[in-house]
Amino acid sequence: MKSSVKVLVACGSGVATSTVAQEKVKQIAADAGIPVQVFKGTISEVPTKQYDVDVVLTTANYKKPLDRPYMTVFPLISGINKDACAKKLVDLLKAVQAE
Protein backbone atom coordinates (compact mmCIF):
# COMPACT_ATOMS: atom_id res chain seq x y z
CA MET A 1 0.00 0.00 0.00
CA LYS A 2 1.32 3.43 -0.95
CA SER A 3 1.80 5.97 1.84
CA SER A 4 0.46 8.65 -0.52
CA VAL A 5 -0.79 8.78 -4.08
CA LYS A 6 1.03 11.13 -6.46
CA VAL A 7 -1.45 12.92 -8.71
CA LEU A 8 -0.85 15.10 -11.77
CA VAL A 9 -3.64 17.61 -12.51
CA ALA A 10 -3.25 19.09 -15.99
CA CYS A 11 -5.10 21.74 -17.98
CA GLY A 12 -4.39 23.70 -21.14
CA SER A 13 -2.21 26.38 -19.53
CA GLY A 14 -1.25 24.63 -16.29
CA VAL A 15 -2.60 27.62 -14.35
CA ALA A 16 -6.34 28.28 -14.37
CA THR A 17 -8.59 25.23 -14.19
CA SER A 18 -5.83 22.95 -12.91
CA THR A 19 -5.49 25.22 -9.86
CA VAL A 20 -9.21 24.95 -9.10
CA ALA A 21 -9.21 21.21 -9.79
CA GLN A 22 -6.09 20.69 -7.67
CA GLU A 23 -7.81 22.12 -4.58
CA LYS A 24 -10.98 20.08 -5.19
CA VAL A 25 -8.95 16.88 -5.65
CA LYS A 26 -7.07 17.55 -2.40
CA GLN A 27 -10.35 18.08 -0.54
CA ILE A 28 -12.04 14.99 -2.00
CA ALA A 29 -9.01 12.84 -1.16
CA ALA A 30 -8.79 14.28 2.37
CA ASP A 31 -12.50 13.64 2.95
CA ALA A 32 -11.94 10.01 1.85
CA GLY A 33 -8.86 9.63 4.07
CA ILE A 34 -6.51 9.15 1.12
CA PRO A 35 -3.16 10.96 1.40
CA VAL A 36 -2.20 12.60 -1.90
CA GLN A 37 0.59 14.70 -3.32
CA VAL A 38 -0.80 16.86 -6.12
CA PHE A 39 1.29 18.34 -8.92
CA LYS A 40 0.10 20.67 -11.69
CA GLY A 41 1.03 20.72 -15.35
CA THR A 42 -0.15 21.40 -18.87
CA ILE A 43 -1.81 18.95 -21.22
CA SER A 44 1.33 19.00 -23.38
CA GLU A 45 3.43 17.89 -20.38
CA VAL A 46 1.27 14.83 -19.62
CA PRO A 47 3.22 12.33 -21.79
CA THR A 48 6.46 12.97 -19.88
CA LYS A 49 5.17 13.95 -16.42
CA GLN A 50 3.00 10.82 -16.18
CA TYR A 51 6.10 8.86 -15.18
CA ASP A 52 6.57 11.01 -12.06
CA VAL A 53 3.08 10.26 -10.68
CA ASP A 54 0.63 7.43 -9.96
CA VAL A 55 -2.50 9.01 -11.48
CA VAL A 56 -3.13 11.56 -14.24
CA LEU A 57 -6.16 13.87 -14.04
CA THR A 58 -7.05 16.48 -16.65
CA THR A 59 -9.64 19.22 -16.92
CA ALA A 60 -9.98 18.51 -20.66
CA ASN A 61 -10.34 15.31 -22.65
CA TYR A 62 -7.04 13.59 -23.31
CA LYS A 63 -7.12 11.07 -26.13
CA LYS A 64 -3.57 9.68 -26.30
CA PRO A 65 -2.74 6.41 -24.55
CA LEU A 66 -1.09 6.68 -21.14
CA ASP A 67 0.85 4.27 -18.95
CA ARG A 68 -0.83 5.59 -15.79
CA PRO A 69 -4.47 5.50 -14.68
CA TYR A 70 -6.27 8.53 -16.10
CA MET A 71 -9.58 10.35 -15.80
CA THR A 72 -10.96 13.76 -16.59
CA VAL A 73 -12.03 15.87 -13.63
CA PHE A 74 -13.80 18.54 -15.68
CA PRO A 75 -17.08 17.85 -13.81
CA LEU A 76 -15.38 19.18 -10.66
CA ILE A 77 -14.96 22.49 -12.52
CA SER A 78 -18.31 22.62 -14.33
CA GLY A 79 -20.40 21.22 -11.50
CA ILE A 80 -22.21 18.90 -13.93
CA ASN A 81 -22.05 15.30 -12.61
CA LYS A 82 -19.69 16.53 -9.89
CA ASP A 83 -20.74 13.90 -7.34
CA ALA A 84 -20.31 11.00 -9.80
CA CYS A 85 -16.88 12.33 -10.76
CA ALA A 86 -15.85 12.64 -7.10
CA LYS A 87 -16.93 9.04 -6.42
CA LYS A 88 -15.05 7.75 -9.46
CA LEU A 89 -11.99 9.71 -8.33
CA VAL A 90 -12.12 8.23 -4.82
CA ASP A 91 -12.47 4.72 -6.27
CA LEU A 92 -9.49 5.32 -8.57
CA LEU A 93 -7.31 6.76 -5.79
CA LYS A 94 -8.18 3.86 -3.45
CA ALA A 95 -7.31 1.31 -6.14
CA VAL A 96 -3.98 2.98 -6.88
CA GLN A 97 -3.18 3.37 -3.17
CA ALA A 98 -3.77 -0.36 -2.63
CA GLU A 99 -1.28 -1.37 -5.36
PDB file of N, CA and C in Angstrom:
ATOM      1  N   MET A   1       0.845  -1.186   0.000  1.00  0.00           N
ATOM      2  CA  MET A   1       0.000   0.000   0.000  1.00  0.00           C
ATOM      3  C   MET A   1       0.886   1.244   0.000  1.00  0.00           C
ATOM      4  N   LYS A   2       0.545   2.193  -0.848  1.00  0.00           N
ATOM      5  CA  LYS A   2       1.317   3.433  -0.949  1.00  0.00           C
ATOM      6  C   LYS A   2       0.999   4.337   0.244  1.00  0.00           C
ATOM      7  N   SER A   3       2.031   5.032   0.745  1.00  0.00           N
ATOM      8  CA  SER A   3       1.796   5.971   1.842  1.00  0.00           C
ATOM      9  C   SER A   3       1.022   7.188   1.350  1.00  0.00           C
ATOM     10  N   SER A   4       1.254   7.591   0.099  1.00  0.00           N
ATOM     11  CA  SER A   4       0.460   8.646  -0.521  1.00  0.00           C
ATOM     12  C   SER A   4       0.429   8.414  -2.025  1.00  0.00           C
ATOM     13  N   VAL A   5      -0.606   8.925  -2.648  1.00  0.00           N
ATOM     14  CA  VAL A   5      -0.786   8.777  -4.085  1.00  0.00           C
ATOM     15  C   VAL A   5      -0.343  10.072  -4.751  1.00  0.00           C
ATOM     16  N   LYS A   6       0.571   9.955  -5.721  1.00  0.00           N
ATOM     17  CA  LYS A   6       1.033  11.129  -6.459  1.00  0.00           C
ATOM     18  C   LYS A   6       0.098  11.356  -7.642  1.00  0.00           C
ATOM     19  N   VAL A   7      -0.425  12.582  -7.720  1.00  0.00           N
ATOM     20  CA  VAL A   7      -1.448  12.917  -8.709  1.00  0.00           C
ATOM     21  C   VAL A   7      -0.989  14.111  -9.545  1.00  0.00           C
ATOM     22  N   LEU A   8      -1.091  13.978 -10.861  1.00  0.00           N
ATOM     23  CA  LEU A   8      -0.854  15.102 -11.767  1.00  0.00           C
ATOM     24  C   LEU A   8      -2.201  15.636 -12.206  1.00  0.00           C
ATOM     25  N   VAL A   9      -2.433  16.946 -12.020  1.00  0.00           N
ATOM     26  CA  VAL A   9      -3.636  17.612 -12.514  1.00  0.00           C
ATOM     27  C   VAL A   9      -3.186  18.547 -13.633  1.00  0.00           C
ATOM     28  N   ALA A  10      -3.697  18.311 -14.841  1.00  0.00           N
ATOM     29  CA  ALA A  10      -3.251  19.091 -15.993  1.00  0.00           C
ATOM     30  C   ALA A  10      -4.418  19.784 -16.682  1.00  0.00           C
ATOM     31  N   CYS A  11      -4.137  21.004 -17.162  1.00  0.00           N
ATOM     32  CA  CYS A  11      -5.103  21.740 -17.982  1.00  0.00           C
ATOM     33  C   CYS A  11      -4.331  22.352 -19.149  1.00  0.00           C
ATOM     34  N   GLY A  12      -5.020  23.119 -19.959  1.00  0.00           N
ATOM     35  CA  GLY A  12      -4.386  23.696 -21.139  1.00  0.00           C
ATOM     36  C   GLY A  12      -3.178  24.554 -20.823  1.00  0.00           C
ATOM     37  N   SER A  13      -3.292  25.448 -19.844  1.00  0.00           N
ATOM     38  CA  SER A  13      -2.205  26.377 -19.529  1.00  0.00           C
ATOM     39  C   SER A  13      -1.398  25.960 -18.308  1.00  0.00           C
ATOM     40  N   GLY A  14      -1.928  25.028 -17.513  1.00  0.00           N
ATOM     41  CA  GLY A  14      -1.249  24.632 -16.287  1.00  0.00           C
ATOM     42  C   GLY A  14      -1.462  25.626 -15.158  1.00  0.00           C
ATOM     43  N   VAL A  15      -2.385  26.586 -15.358  1.00  0.00           N
ATOM     44  CA  VAL A  15      -2.600  27.623 -14.353  1.00  0.00           C
ATOM     45  C   VAL A  15      -4.055  27.662 -13.878  1.00  0.00           C
ATOM     46  N   ALA A  16      -4.971  27.933 -14.771  1.00  0.00           N
ATOM     47  CA  ALA A  16      -6.340  28.276 -14.372  1.00  0.00           C
ATOM     48  C   ALA A  16      -7.139  27.108 -13.810  1.00  0.00           C
ATOM     49  N   THR A  17      -7.696  26.282 -14.694  1.00  0.00           N
ATOM     50  CA  THR A  17      -8.587  25.229 -14.193  1.00  0.00           C
ATOM     51  C   THR A  17      -7.839  24.169 -13.399  1.00  0.00           C
ATOM     52  N   SER A  18      -6.562  23.955 -13.688  1.00  0.00           N
ATOM     53  CA  SER A  18      -5.830  22.953 -12.907  1.00  0.00           C
ATOM     54  C   SER A  18      -5.673  23.404 -11.459  1.00  0.00           C
ATOM     55  N   THR A  19      -5.596  24.708 -11.226  1.00  0.00           N
ATOM     56  CA  THR A  19      -5.490  25.219  -9.855  1.00  0.00           C
ATOM     57  C   THR A  19      -6.781  24.951  -9.087  1.00  0.00           C
ATOM     58  N   VAL A  20      -7.917  25.214  -9.730  1.00  0.00           N
ATOM     59  CA  VAL A  20      -9.210  24.953  -9.105  1.00  0.00           C
ATOM     60  C   VAL A  20      -9.372  23.443  -8.879  1.00  0.00           C
ATOM     61  N   ALA A  21      -9.071  22.662  -9.892  1.00  0.00           N
ATOM     62  CA  ALA A  21      -9.210  21.207  -9.789  1.00  0.00           C
ATOM     63  C   ALA A  21      -8.277  20.638  -8.727  1.00  0.00           C
ATOM     64  N   GLN A  22      -7.074  21.165  -8.646  1.00  0.00           N
ATOM     65  CA  GLN A  22      -6.095  20.695  -7.667  1.00  0.00           C
ATOM     66  C   GLN A  22      -6.660  20.793  -6.248  1.00  0.00           C
ATOM     67  N   GLU A  23      -7.259  21.922  -5.921  1.00  0.00           N
ATOM     68  CA  GLU A  23      -7.815  22.122  -4.580  1.00  0.00           C
ATOM     69  C   GLU A  23      -8.996  21.182  -4.329  1.00  0.00           C
ATOM     70  N   LYS A  24      -9.827  20.975  -5.349  1.00  0.00           N
ATOM     71  CA  LYS A  24     -10.978  20.081  -5.195  1.00  0.00           C
ATOM     72  C   LYS A  24     -10.510  18.634  -5.023  1.00  0.00           C
ATOM     73  N   VAL A  25      -9.497  18.234  -5.766  1.00  0.00           N
ATOM     74  CA  VAL A  25      -8.950  16.877  -5.654  1.00  0.00           C
ATOM     75  C   VAL A  25      -8.372  16.668  -4.257  1.00  0.00           C
ATOM     76  N   LYS A  26      -7.634  17.643  -3.754  1.00  0.00           N
ATOM     77  CA  LYS A  26      -7.068  17.546  -2.400  1.00  0.00           C
ATOM     78  C   LYS A  26      -8.173  17.372  -1.368  1.00  0.00           C
ATOM     79  N   GLN A  27      -9.255  18.147  -1.505  1.00  0.00           N
ATOM     80  CA  GLN A  27     -10.355  18.080  -0.544  1.00  0.00           C
ATOM     81  C   GLN A  27     -11.080  16.741  -0.615  1.00  0.00           C
ATOM     82  N   ILE A  28     -11.355  16.277  -1.824  1.00  0.00           N
ATOM     83  CA  ILE A  28     -12.043  14.991  -2.004  1.00  0.00           C
ATOM     84  C   ILE A  28     -11.203  13.861  -1.414  1.00  0.00           C
ATOM     85  N   ALA A  29      -9.905  13.876  -1.691  1.00  0.00           N
ATOM     86  CA  ALA A  29      -9.011  12.843  -1.162  1.00  0.00           C
ATOM     87  C   ALA A  29      -8.950  12.910   0.361  1.00  0.00           C
ATOM     88  N   ALA A  30      -8.850  14.112   0.911  1.00  0.00           N
ATOM     89  CA  ALA A  30      -8.791  14.280   2.365  1.00  0.00           C
ATOM     90  C   ALA A  30     -10.073  13.768   3.016  1.00  0.00           C
ATOM     91  N   ASP A  31     -11.217  14.092   2.419  1.00  0.00           N
ATOM     92  CA  ASP A  31     -12.504  13.636   2.955  1.00  0.00           C
ATOM     93  C   ASP A  31     -12.604  12.108   2.940  1.00  0.00           C
ATOM     94  N   ALA A  32     -11.918  11.472   1.967  1.00  0.00           N
ATOM     95  CA  ALA A  32     -11.944  10.009   1.846  1.00  0.00           C
ATOM     96  C   ALA A  32     -10.814   9.353   2.645  1.00  0.00           C
ATOM     97  N   GLY A  33      -9.964  10.174   3.279  1.00  0.00           N
ATOM     98  CA  GLY A  33      -8.861   9.631   4.070  1.00  0.00           C
ATOM     99  C   GLY A  33      -7.719   9.085   3.232  1.00  0.00           C
ATOM    100  N   ILE A  34      -7.569   9.611   2.018  1.00  0.00           N
ATOM    101  CA  ILE A  34      -6.509   9.147   1.120  1.00  0.00           C
ATOM    102  C   ILE A  34      -5.436  10.235   1.031  1.00  0.00           C
ATOM    103  N   PRO A  35      -4.220   9.955   1.510  1.00  0.00           N
ATOM    104  CA  PRO A  35      -3.164  10.962   1.404  1.00  0.00           C
ATOM    105  C   PRO A  35      -2.692  11.101  -0.050  1.00  0.00           C
ATOM    106  N   VAL A  36      -2.642  12.342  -0.519  1.00  0.00           N
ATOM    107  CA  VAL A  36      -2.195  12.596  -1.901  1.00  0.00           C
ATOM    108  C   VAL A  36      -1.141  13.692  -1.938  1.00  0.00           C
ATOM    109  N   GLN A  37      -0.321  13.617  -2.951  1.00  0.00           N
ATOM    110  CA  GLN A  37       0.587  14.702  -3.325  1.00  0.00           C
ATOM    111  C   GLN A  37       0.128  15.129  -4.707  1.00  0.00           C
ATOM    112  N   VAL A  38      -0.246  16.397  -4.858  1.00  0.00           N
ATOM    113  CA  VAL A  38      -0.801  16.862  -6.124  1.00  0.00           C
ATOM    114  C   VAL A  38       0.179  17.801  -6.808  1.00  0.00           C
ATOM    115  N   PHE A  39       0.406  17.529  -8.091  1.00  0.00           N
ATOM    116  CA  PHE A  39       1.291  18.343  -8.925  1.00  0.00           C
ATOM    117  C   PHE A  39       0.471  18.877 -10.091  1.00  0.00           C
ATOM    118  N   LYS A  40       0.803  20.072 -10.560  1.00  0.00           N
ATOM    119  CA  LYS A  40       0.096  20.673 -11.694  1.00  0.00           C
ATOM    120  C   LYS A  40       0.974  20.645 -12.934  1.00  0.00           C
ATOM    121  N   GLY A  41       0.308  20.671 -14.090  1.00  0.00           N
ATOM    122  CA  GLY A  41       1.031  20.724 -15.350  1.00  0.00           C
ATOM    123  C   GLY A  41       0.086  21.089 -16.479  1.00  0.00           C
ATOM    124  N   THR A  42       0.643  21.120 -17.671  1.00  0.00           N
ATOM    125  CA  THR A  42      -0.153  21.397 -18.868  1.00  0.00           C
ATOM    126  C   THR A  42      -0.454  20.091 -19.583  1.00  0.00           C
ATOM    127  N   ILE A  43      -1.453  20.140 -20.434  1.00  0.00           N
ATOM    128  CA  ILE A  43      -1.810  18.953 -21.222  1.00  0.00           C
ATOM    129  C   ILE A  43      -0.598  18.471 -22.023  1.00  0.00           C
ATOM    130  N   SER A  44       0.178  19.398 -22.557  1.00  0.00           N
ATOM    131  CA  SER A  44       1.328  18.995 -23.381  1.00  0.00           C
ATOM    132  C   SER A  44       2.426  18.321 -22.561  1.00  0.00           C
ATOM    133  N   GLU A  45       2.429  18.523 -21.244  1.00  0.00           N
ATOM    134  CA  GLU A  45       3.433  17.888 -20.385  1.00  0.00           C
ATOM    135  C   GLU A  45       3.022  16.489 -19.920  1.00  0.00           C
ATOM    136  N   VAL A  46       1.777  16.107 -20.123  1.00  0.00           N
ATOM    137  CA  VAL A  46       1.273  14.827 -19.620  1.00  0.00           C
ATOM    138  C   VAL A  46       2.111  13.631 -20.079  1.00  0.00           C
ATOM    139  N   PRO A  47       2.476  13.523 -21.366  1.00  0.00           N
ATOM    140  CA  PRO A  47       3.220  12.332 -21.786  1.00  0.00           C
ATOM    141  C   PRO A  47       4.529  12.098 -21.016  1.00  0.00           C
ATOM    142  N   THR A  48       5.211  13.154 -20.613  1.00  0.00           N
ATOM    143  CA  THR A  48       6.462  12.965 -19.876  1.00  0.00           C
ATOM    144  C   THR A  48       6.256  12.980 -18.365  1.00  0.00           C
ATOM    145  N   LYS A  49       5.385  13.848 -17.871  1.00  0.00           N
ATOM    146  CA  LYS A  49       5.173  13.951 -16.420  1.00  0.00           C
ATOM    147  C   LYS A  49       4.427  12.753 -15.839  1.00  0.00           C
ATOM    148  N   GLN A  50       3.739  11.974 -16.691  1.00  0.00           N
ATOM    149  CA  GLN A  50       2.997  10.821 -16.180  1.00  0.00           C
ATOM    150  C   GLN A  50       3.908   9.850 -15.435  1.00  0.00           C
ATOM    151  N   TYR A  51       5.181   9.815 -15.801  1.00  0.00           N
ATOM    152  CA  TYR A  51       6.103   8.859 -15.184  1.00  0.00           C
ATOM    153  C   TYR A  51       6.559   9.290 -13.790  1.00  0.00           C
ATOM    154  N   ASP A  52       6.217  10.511 -13.390  1.00  0.00           N
ATOM    155  CA  ASP A  52       6.566  11.008 -12.059  1.00  0.00           C
ATOM    156  C   ASP A  52       5.427  10.832 -11.062  1.00  0.00           C
ATOM    157  N   VAL A  53       4.266  10.338 -11.531  1.00  0.00           N
ATOM    158  CA  VAL A  53       3.077  10.257 -10.677  1.00  0.00           C
ATOM    159  C   VAL A  53       2.411   8.889 -10.798  1.00  0.00           C
ATOM    160  N   ASP A  54       1.396   8.676  -9.942  1.00  0.00           N
ATOM    161  CA  ASP A  54       0.631   7.428  -9.964  1.00  0.00           C
ATOM    162  C   ASP A  54      -0.663   7.545 -10.759  1.00  0.00           C
ATOM    163  N   VAL A  55      -1.211   8.766 -10.834  1.00  0.00           N
ATOM    164  CA  VAL A  55      -2.503   9.010 -11.484  1.00  0.00           C
ATOM    165  C   VAL A  55      -2.424  10.319 -12.267  1.00  0.00           C
ATOM    166  N   VAL A  56      -3.055  10.346 -13.440  1.00  0.00           N
ATOM    167  CA  VAL A  56      -3.135  11.564 -14.242  1.00  0.00           C
ATOM    168  C   VAL A  56      -4.594  12.005 -14.309  1.00  0.00           C
ATOM    169  N   LEU A  57      -4.831  13.272 -13.957  1.00  0.00           N
ATOM    170  CA  LEU A  57      -6.162  13.870 -14.041  1.00  0.00           C
ATOM    171  C   LEU A  57      -6.065  15.098 -14.941  1.00  0.00           C
ATOM    172  N   THR A  58      -7.047  15.290 -15.796  1.00  0.00           N
ATOM    173  CA  THR A  58      -7.050  16.479 -16.646  1.00  0.00           C
ATOM    174  C   THR A  58      -8.400  17.180 -16.556  1.00  0.00           C
ATOM    175  N   THR A  59      -8.392  18.466 -16.887  1.00  0.00           N
ATOM    176  CA  THR A  59      -9.640  19.225 -16.923  1.00  0.00           C
ATOM    177  C   THR A  59     -10.204  19.270 -18.337  1.00  0.00           C
ATOM    178  N   ALA A  60      -9.528  18.612 -19.267  1.00  0.00           N
ATOM    179  CA  ALA A  60      -9.983  18.512 -20.658  1.00  0.00           C
ATOM    180  C   ALA A  60      -9.829  17.053 -21.086  1.00  0.00           C
ATOM    181  N   ASN A  61     -10.502  16.675 -22.154  1.00  0.00           N
ATOM    182  CA  ASN A  61     -10.342  15.307 -22.648  1.00  0.00           C
ATOM    183  C   ASN A  61      -8.934  15.106 -23.160  1.00  0.00           C
ATOM    184  N   TYR A  62      -8.386  13.950 -22.850  1.00  0.00           N
ATOM    185  CA  TYR A  62      -7.044  13.594 -23.313  1.00  0.00           C
ATOM    186  C   TYR A  62      -7.174  12.266 -24.026  1.00  0.00           C
ATOM    187  N   LYS A  63      -6.829  12.232 -25.293  1.00  0.00           N
ATOM    188  CA  LYS A  63      -7.123  11.066 -26.126  1.00  0.00           C
ATOM    189  C   LYS A  63      -5.941  10.107 -26.325  1.00  0.00           C
ATOM    190  N   LYS A  64      -4.727  10.540 -26.045  1.00  0.00           N
ATOM    191  CA  LYS A  64      -3.569   9.683 -26.300  1.00  0.00           C
ATOM    192  C   LYS A  64      -3.442   8.619 -25.210  1.00  0.00           C
ATOM    193  N   PRO A  65      -2.895   7.451 -25.558  1.00  0.00           N
ATOM    194  CA  PRO A  65      -2.738   6.407 -24.547  1.00  0.00           C
ATOM    195  C   PRO A  65      -1.713   6.804 -23.484  1.00  0.00           C
ATOM    196  N   LEU A  66      -1.986   6.399 -22.246  1.00  0.00           N
ATOM    197  CA  LEU A  66      -1.086   6.682 -21.136  1.00  0.00           C
ATOM    198  C   LEU A  66      -0.703   5.381 -20.434  1.00  0.00           C
ATOM    199  N   ASP A  67       0.404   5.424 -19.728  1.00  0.00           N
ATOM    200  CA  ASP A  67       0.852   4.270 -18.953  1.00  0.00           C
ATOM    201  C   ASP A  67       0.407   4.360 -17.500  1.00  0.00           C
ATOM    202  N   ARG A  68      -0.329   5.395 -17.149  1.00  0.00           N
ATOM    203  CA  ARG A  68      -0.829   5.592 -15.794  1.00  0.00           C
ATOM    204  C   ARG A  68      -2.354   5.671 -15.829  1.00  0.00           C
ATOM    205  N   PRO A  69      -3.015   5.330 -14.717  1.00  0.00           N
ATOM    206  CA  PRO A  69      -4.472   5.503 -14.677  1.00  0.00           C
ATOM    207  C   PRO A  69      -4.811   6.970 -14.940  1.00  0.00           C
ATOM    208  N   TYR A  70      -5.899   7.186 -15.677  1.00  0.00           N
ATOM    209  CA  TYR A  70      -6.270   8.533 -16.105  1.00  0.00           C
ATOM    210  C   TYR A  70      -7.777   8.722 -16.000  1.00  0.00           C
ATOM    211  N   MET A  71      -8.175   9.940 -15.664  1.00  0.00           N
ATOM    212  CA  MET A  71      -9.577  10.345 -15.805  1.00  0.00           C
ATOM    213  C   MET A  71      -9.649  11.859 -15.940  1.00  0.00           C
ATOM    214  N   THR A  72     -10.729  12.322 -16.534  1.00  0.00           N
ATOM    215  CA  THR A  72     -10.956  13.760 -16.591  1.00  0.00           C
ATOM    216  C   THR A  72     -11.712  14.187 -15.332  1.00  0.00           C
ATOM    217  N   VAL A  73     -11.343  15.335 -14.807  1.00  0.00           N
ATOM    218  CA  VAL A  73     -12.026  15.872 -13.632  1.00  0.00           C
ATOM    219  C   VAL A  73     -12.750  17.175 -13.981  1.00  0.00           C
ATOM    220  N   PHE A  74     -13.083  17.342 -15.257  1.00  0.00           N
ATOM    221  CA  PHE A  74     -13.803  18.538 -15.679  1.00  0.00           C
ATOM    222  C   PHE A  74     -15.115  18.724 -14.916  1.00  0.00           C
ATOM    223  N   PRO A  75     -15.846  17.640 -14.576  1.00  0.00           N
ATOM    224  CA  PRO A  75     -17.080  17.846 -13.806  1.00  0.00           C
ATOM    225  C   PRO A  75     -16.850  18.566 -12.465  1.00  0.00           C
ATOM    226  N   LEU A  76     -15.670  18.453 -11.902  1.00  0.00           N
ATOM    227  CA  LEU A  76     -15.384  19.177 -10.656  1.00  0.00           C
ATOM    228  C   LEU A  76     -15.322  20.679 -10.904  1.00  0.00           C
ATOM    229  N   ILE A  77     -15.024  21.080 -12.131  1.00  0.00           N
ATOM    230  CA  ILE A  77     -14.956  22.493 -12.522  1.00  0.00           C
ATOM    231  C   ILE A  77     -16.353  22.979 -12.922  1.00  0.00           C
ATOM    232  N   SER A  78     -17.017  22.193 -13.779  1.00  0.00           N
ATOM    233  CA  SER A  78     -18.307  22.618 -14.329  1.00  0.00           C
ATOM    234  C   SER A  78     -19.460  22.450 -13.342  1.00  0.00           C
ATOM    235  N   GLY A  79     -19.318  21.505 -12.425  1.00  0.00           N
ATOM    236  CA  GLY A  79     -20.402  21.220 -11.498  1.00  0.00           C
ATOM    237  C   GLY A  79     -21.401  20.196 -12.023  1.00  0.00           C
ATOM    238  N   ILE A  80     -21.310  19.871 -13.313  1.00  0.00           N
ATOM    239  CA  ILE A  80     -22.214  18.895 -13.926  1.00  0.00           C
ATOM    240  C   ILE A  80     -21.663  17.494 -13.659  1.00  0.00           C
ATOM    241  N   ASN A  81     -22.466  16.650 -13.011  1.00  0.00           N
ATOM    242  CA  ASN A  81     -22.055  15.295 -12.614  1.00  0.00           C
ATOM    243  C   ASN A  81     -20.879  15.308 -11.643  1.00  0.00           C
ATOM    244  N   LYS A  82     -20.785  16.359 -10.843  1.00  0.00           N
ATOM    245  CA  LYS A  82     -19.686  16.529  -9.890  1.00  0.00           C
ATOM    246  C   LYS A  82     -19.601  15.371  -8.898  1.00  0.00           C
ATOM    247  N   ASP A  83     -20.743  14.958  -8.348  1.00  0.00           N
ATOM    248  CA  ASP A  83     -20.738  13.895  -7.344  1.00  0.00           C
ATOM    249  C   ASP A  83     -20.274  12.561  -7.928  1.00  0.00           C
ATOM    250  N   ALA A  84     -20.726  12.244  -9.138  1.00  0.00           N
ATOM    251  CA  ALA A  84     -20.308  11.002  -9.796  1.00  0.00           C
ATOM    252  C   ALA A  84     -18.807  11.028 -10.078  1.00  0.00           C
ATOM    253  N   CYS A  85     -18.311  12.173 -10.493  1.00  0.00           N
ATOM    254  CA  CYS A  85     -16.879  12.330 -10.764  1.00  0.00           C
ATOM    255  C   CYS A  85     -16.081  12.155  -9.471  1.00  0.00           C
ATOM    256  N   ALA A  86     -16.550  12.744  -8.385  1.00  0.00           N
ATOM    257  CA  ALA A  86     -15.853  12.638  -7.102  1.00  0.00           C
ATOM    258  C   ALA A  86     -15.804  11.182  -6.640  1.00  0.00           C
ATOM    259  N   LYS A  87     -16.907  10.453  -6.814  1.00  0.00           N
ATOM    260  CA  LYS A  87     -16.934   9.041  -6.416  1.00  0.00           C
ATOM    261  C   LYS A  87     -15.960   8.227  -7.264  1.00  0.00           C
ATOM    262  N   LYS A  88     -15.961   8.466  -8.562  1.00  0.00           N
ATOM    263  CA  LYS A  88     -15.047   7.751  -9.463  1.00  0.00           C
ATOM    264  C   LYS A  88     -13.596   8.063  -9.082  1.00  0.00           C
ATOM    265  N   LEU A  89     -13.338   9.309  -8.732  1.00  0.00           N
ATOM    266  CA  LEU A  89     -11.987   9.713  -8.330  1.00  0.00           C
ATOM    267  C   LEU A  89     -11.563   8.987  -7.056  1.00  0.00           C
ATOM    268  N   VAL A  90     -12.434   8.933  -6.076  1.00  0.00           N
ATOM    269  CA  VAL A  90     -12.117   8.234  -4.820  1.00  0.00           C
ATOM    270  C   VAL A  90     -11.837   6.759  -5.101  1.00  0.00           C
ATOM    271  N   ASP A  91     -12.678   6.132  -5.932  1.00  0.00           N
ATOM    272  CA  ASP A  91     -12.470   4.721  -6.273  1.00  0.00           C
ATOM    273  C   ASP A  91     -11.116   4.519  -6.953  1.00  0.00           C
ATOM    274  N   LEU A  92     -10.763   5.407  -7.869  1.00  0.00           N
ATOM    275  CA  LEU A  92      -9.486   5.321  -8.566  1.00  0.00           C
ATOM    276  C   LEU A  92      -8.321   5.498  -7.596  1.00  0.00           C
ATOM    277  N   LEU A  93      -8.400   6.508  -6.743  1.00  0.00           N
ATOM    278  CA  LEU A  93      -7.313   6.755  -5.787  1.00  0.00           C
ATOM    279  C   LEU A  93      -7.152   5.591  -4.816  1.00  0.00           C
ATOM    280  N   LYS A  94      -8.255   5.007  -4.364  1.00  0.00           N
ATOM    281  CA  LYS A  94      -8.182   3.860  -3.452  1.00  0.00           C
ATOM    282  C   LYS A  94      -7.526   2.669  -4.139  1.00  0.00           C
ATOM    283  N   ALA A  95      -7.892   2.433  -5.396  1.00  0.00           N
ATOM    284  CA  ALA A  95      -7.309   1.309  -6.142  1.00  0.00           C
ATOM    285  C   ALA A  95      -5.811   1.490  -6.328  1.00  0.00           C
ATOM    286  N   VAL A  96      -5.400   2.705  -6.671  1.00  0.00           N
ATOM    287  CA  VAL A  96      -3.976   2.983  -6.878  1.00  0.00           C
ATOM    288  C   VAL A  96      -3.217   2.910  -5.552  1.00  0.00           C
ATOM    289  N   GLN A  97      -3.828   3.400  -4.493  1.00  0.00           N
ATOM    290  CA  GLN A  97      -3.182   3.369  -3.171  1.00  0.00           C
ATOM    291  C   GLN A  97      -2.942   1.920  -2.726  1.00  0.00           C
ATOM    292  N   ALA A  98      -3.853   1.037  -3.058  1.00  0.00           N
ATOM    293  CA  ALA A  98      -3.771  -0.359  -2.631  1.00  0.00           C
ATOM    294  C   ALA A  98      -2.712  -1.155  -3.397  1.00  0.00           C
ATOM    295  N   GLU A  99      -2.251  -0.634  -4.528  1.00  0.00           N
ATOM    296  CA  GLU A  99      -1.278  -1.367  -5.365  1.00  0.00           C
ATOM    297  C   GLU A  99       0.037  -1.572  -4.630  1.00  0.00           C
TER     298      GLU A  99
END
